[in-house]
């Protein structure tokens, strides 16, 4: 996955899009999980280790926002028994 930093704002970028550090950690954890994906419980444990635990609805809200930003890149995070980074359906056709 293409990683870097935005020259204008300094935020980390993934796939050419600037994300907050929290969303960047979520994307990186999902990417590292590979094709098997990662559960909301594991994401919570990894991403929010130093903070209060959040519910699955909060994680899904972040994933929804990430997917909105990823439109047009050909990627999205899907959740079927675990969160996975994959090619978006419209990009695969």
C-alpha atoms as a PDB file:
ATOM      1  CA  UNK A   1       0.000   0.000   0.000  1.00  0.00           C
ATOM      2  CA  UNK A   2       1.243   3.470  -0.879  1.00  0.00           C
ATOM      3  CA  UNK A   3       2.201   5.363   2.309  1.00  0.00           C
ATOM      4  CA  UNK A   4       3.505   8.842   2.891  1.00  0.00           C
ATOM      5  CA  UNK A   5       2.712  12.255   4.331  1.00  0.00           C
ATOM      6  CA  UNK A   6       0.741  15.183   2.950  1.00  0.00           C
ATOM      7  CA  UNK A   7       3.137  17.996   2.065  1.00  0.00           C
ATOM      8  CA  UNK A   8       0.483  20.604   2.873  1.00  0.00           C
ATOM      9  CA  UNK A   9      -0.883  19.480   6.248  1.00  0.00           C
ATOM     10  CA  UNK A  10       1.619  16.824   7.372  1.00  0.00           C
ATOM     11  CA  UNK A  11      -1.058  14.162   7.941  1.00  0.00           C
ATOM     12  CA  UNK A  12      -0.168  10.571   7.090  1.00  0.00           C
ATOM     13  CA  UNK A  13      -1.430   9.434   3.705  1.00  0.00           C
ATOM     14  CA  UNK A  14      -2.589   6.031   2.574  1.00  0.00           C
ATOM     15  CA  UNK A  15      -3.350   5.353  -1.087  1.00  0.00           C
ATOM     16  CA  UNK A  16      -2.727   9.053  -1.761  1.00  0.00           C
ATOM     17  CA  UNK A  17      -5.333  10.352   0.716  1.00  0.00           C
ATOM     18  CA  UNK A  18      -4.556  12.210   3.958  1.00  0.00           C
ATOM     19  CA  UNK A  19      -6.106  10.608   7.043  1.00  0.00           C
ATOM     20  CA  UNK A  20      -6.048  11.417  10.752  1.00  0.00           C
ATOM     21  CA  UNK A  21      -3.513   9.404  12.769  1.00  0.00           C
ATOM     22  CA  UNK A  22      -6.352   7.306  14.251  1.00  0.00           C
ATOM     23  CA  UNK A  23      -7.791   6.392  10.853  1.00  0.00           C
ATOM     24  CA  UNK A  24      -4.271   5.699   9.575  1.00  0.00           C
ATOM     25  CA  UNK A  25      -3.729   3.206  12.421  1.00  0.00           C
ATOM     26  CA  UNK A  26      -7.032   1.509  11.550  1.00  0.00           C
ATOM     27  CA  UNK A  27      -6.089   1.230   7.854  1.00  0.00           C
ATOM     28  CA  UNK A  28      -2.626  -0.098   8.712  1.00  0.00           C
ATOM     29  CA  UNK A  29      -4.030  -2.718  11.120  1.00  0.00           C
ATOM     30  CA  UNK A  30      -6.574  -3.899   8.543  1.00  0.00           C
ATOM     31  CA  UNK A  31      -3.881  -3.999   5.834  1.00  0.00           C
ATOM     32  CA  UNK A  32      -1.503  -6.000   8.060  1.00  0.00           C
ATOM     33  CA  UNK A  33      -4.272  -8.512   8.816  1.00  0.00           C
ATOM     34  CA  UNK A  34      -4.257  -9.599   5.173  1.00  0.00           C
ATOM     35  CA  UNK A  35      -6.975 -11.668   3.529  1.00  0.00           C
ATOM     36  CA  UNK A  36      -8.158 -13.207   6.820  1.00  0.00           C
ATOM     37  CA  UNK A  37      -9.119  -9.775   8.126  1.00  0.00           C
ATOM     38  CA  UNK A  38      -9.228  -8.521  11.689  1.00  0.00           C
ATOM     39  CA  UNK A  39     -12.131  -8.565  14.132  1.00  0.00           C
ATOM     40  CA  UNK A  40     -13.607  -5.456  15.717  1.00  0.00           C
ATOM     41  CA  UNK A  41     -12.402  -6.816  19.087  1.00  0.00           C
ATOM     42  CA  UNK A  42      -8.799  -7.045  17.849  1.00  0.00           C
ATOM     43  CA  UNK A  43      -8.986  -3.601  16.222  1.00  0.00           C
ATOM     44  CA  UNK A  44     -10.233  -2.215  19.526  1.00  0.00           C
ATOM     45  CA  UNK A  45      -7.397  -3.924  21.407  1.00  0.00           C
ATOM     46  CA  UNK A  46      -4.713  -2.665  18.992  1.00  0.00           C
ATOM     47  CA  UNK A  47      -5.966   0.800  18.070  1.00  0.00           C
ATOM     48  CA  UNK A  48      -7.375   1.886  21.402  1.00  0.00           C
ATOM     49  CA  UNK A  49      -4.789   0.193  23.658  1.00  0.00           C
ATOM     50  CA  UNK A  50      -3.816   3.463  25.408  1.00  0.00           C
ATOM     51  CA  UNK A  51      -7.325   4.901  25.348  1.00  0.00           C
ATOM     52  CA  UNK A  52     -10.737   3.860  26.532  1.00  0.00           C
ATOM     53  CA  UNK A  53     -12.251   0.921  24.705  1.00  0.00           C
ATOM     54  CA  UNK A  54     -14.929   1.763  22.184  1.00  0.00           C
ATOM     55  CA  UNK A  55     -17.819  -0.247  20.858  1.00  0.00           C
ATOM     56  CA  UNK A  56     -18.044  -1.967  17.526  1.00  0.00           C
ATOM     57  CA  UNK A  57     -20.401   0.776  16.296  1.00  0.00           C
ATOM     58  CA  UNK A  58     -17.641   3.368  16.777  1.00  0.00           C
ATOM     59  CA  UNK A  59     -15.150   1.275  14.808  1.00  0.00           C
ATOM     60  CA  UNK A  60     -17.716   0.754  12.048  1.00  0.00           C
ATOM     61  CA  UNK A  61     -18.310   4.519  11.930  1.00  0.00           C
ATOM     62  CA  UNK A  62     -14.586   5.115  11.414  1.00  0.00           C
ATOM     63  CA  UNK A  63     -14.484   2.423   8.707  1.00  0.00           C
ATOM     64  CA  UNK A  64     -17.475   4.047   6.981  1.00  0.00           C
ATOM     65  CA  UNK A  65     -15.662   7.408   6.987  1.00  0.00           C
ATOM     66  CA  UNK A  66     -12.491   5.765   5.670  1.00  0.00           C
ATOM     67  CA  UNK A  67     -14.475   4.118   2.873  1.00  0.00           C
ATOM     68  CA  UNK A  68     -16.059   7.455   1.939  1.00  0.00           C
ATOM     69  CA  UNK A  69     -12.571   8.933   1.585  1.00  0.00           C
ATOM     70  CA  UNK A  70     -11.335   5.907  -0.397  1.00  0.00           C
ATOM     71  CA  UNK A  71     -14.013   6.267  -3.101  1.00  0.00           C
ATOM     72  CA  UNK A  72     -12.286   6.554  -6.435  1.00  0.00           C
ATOM     73  CA  UNK A  73      -9.087   4.808  -5.277  1.00  0.00           C
ATOM     74  CA  UNK A  74     -10.321   1.329  -6.135  1.00  0.00           C
ATOM     75  CA  UNK A  75     -10.073   0.137  -2.514  1.00  0.00           C
ATOM     76  CA  UNK A  76     -12.407  -0.202   0.433  1.00  0.00           C
ATOM     77  CA  UNK A  77     -12.548  -1.918   3.786  1.00  0.00           C
ATOM     78  CA  UNK A  78     -15.118  -4.716   3.869  1.00  0.00           C
ATOM     79  CA  UNK A  79     -16.444  -6.533   6.895  1.00  0.00           C
ATOM     80  CA  UNK A  80     -17.578 -10.126   6.615  1.00  0.00           C
ATOM     81  CA  UNK A  81     -16.457 -11.868   9.779  1.00  0.00           C
ATOM     82  CA  UNK A  82     -13.513  -9.452   9.958  1.00  0.00           C
ATOM     83  CA  UNK A  83     -12.388  -6.186   8.408  1.00  0.00           C
ATOM     84  CA  UNK A  84     -10.344  -6.563   5.171  1.00  0.00           C
ATOM     85  CA  UNK A  85      -8.839  -4.131   2.693  1.00  0.00           C
ATOM     86  CA  UNK A  86      -9.838  -5.174  -0.823  1.00  0.00           C
ATOM     87  CA  UNK A  87     -10.438  -3.911  -4.311  1.00  0.00           C
ATOM     88  CA  UNK A  88     -13.769  -2.135  -4.549  1.00  0.00           C
ATOM     89  CA  UNK A  89     -16.395  -3.917  -6.620  1.00  0.00           C
ATOM     90  CA  UNK A  90     -16.711  -1.037  -9.113  1.00  0.00           C
ATOM     91  CA  UNK A  91     -12.933  -1.045  -9.668  1.00  0.00           C
ATOM     92  CA  UNK A  92     -12.824  -4.805 -10.241  1.00  0.00           C
ATOM     93  CA  UNK A  93     -15.447  -4.716 -13.019  1.00  0.00           C
END
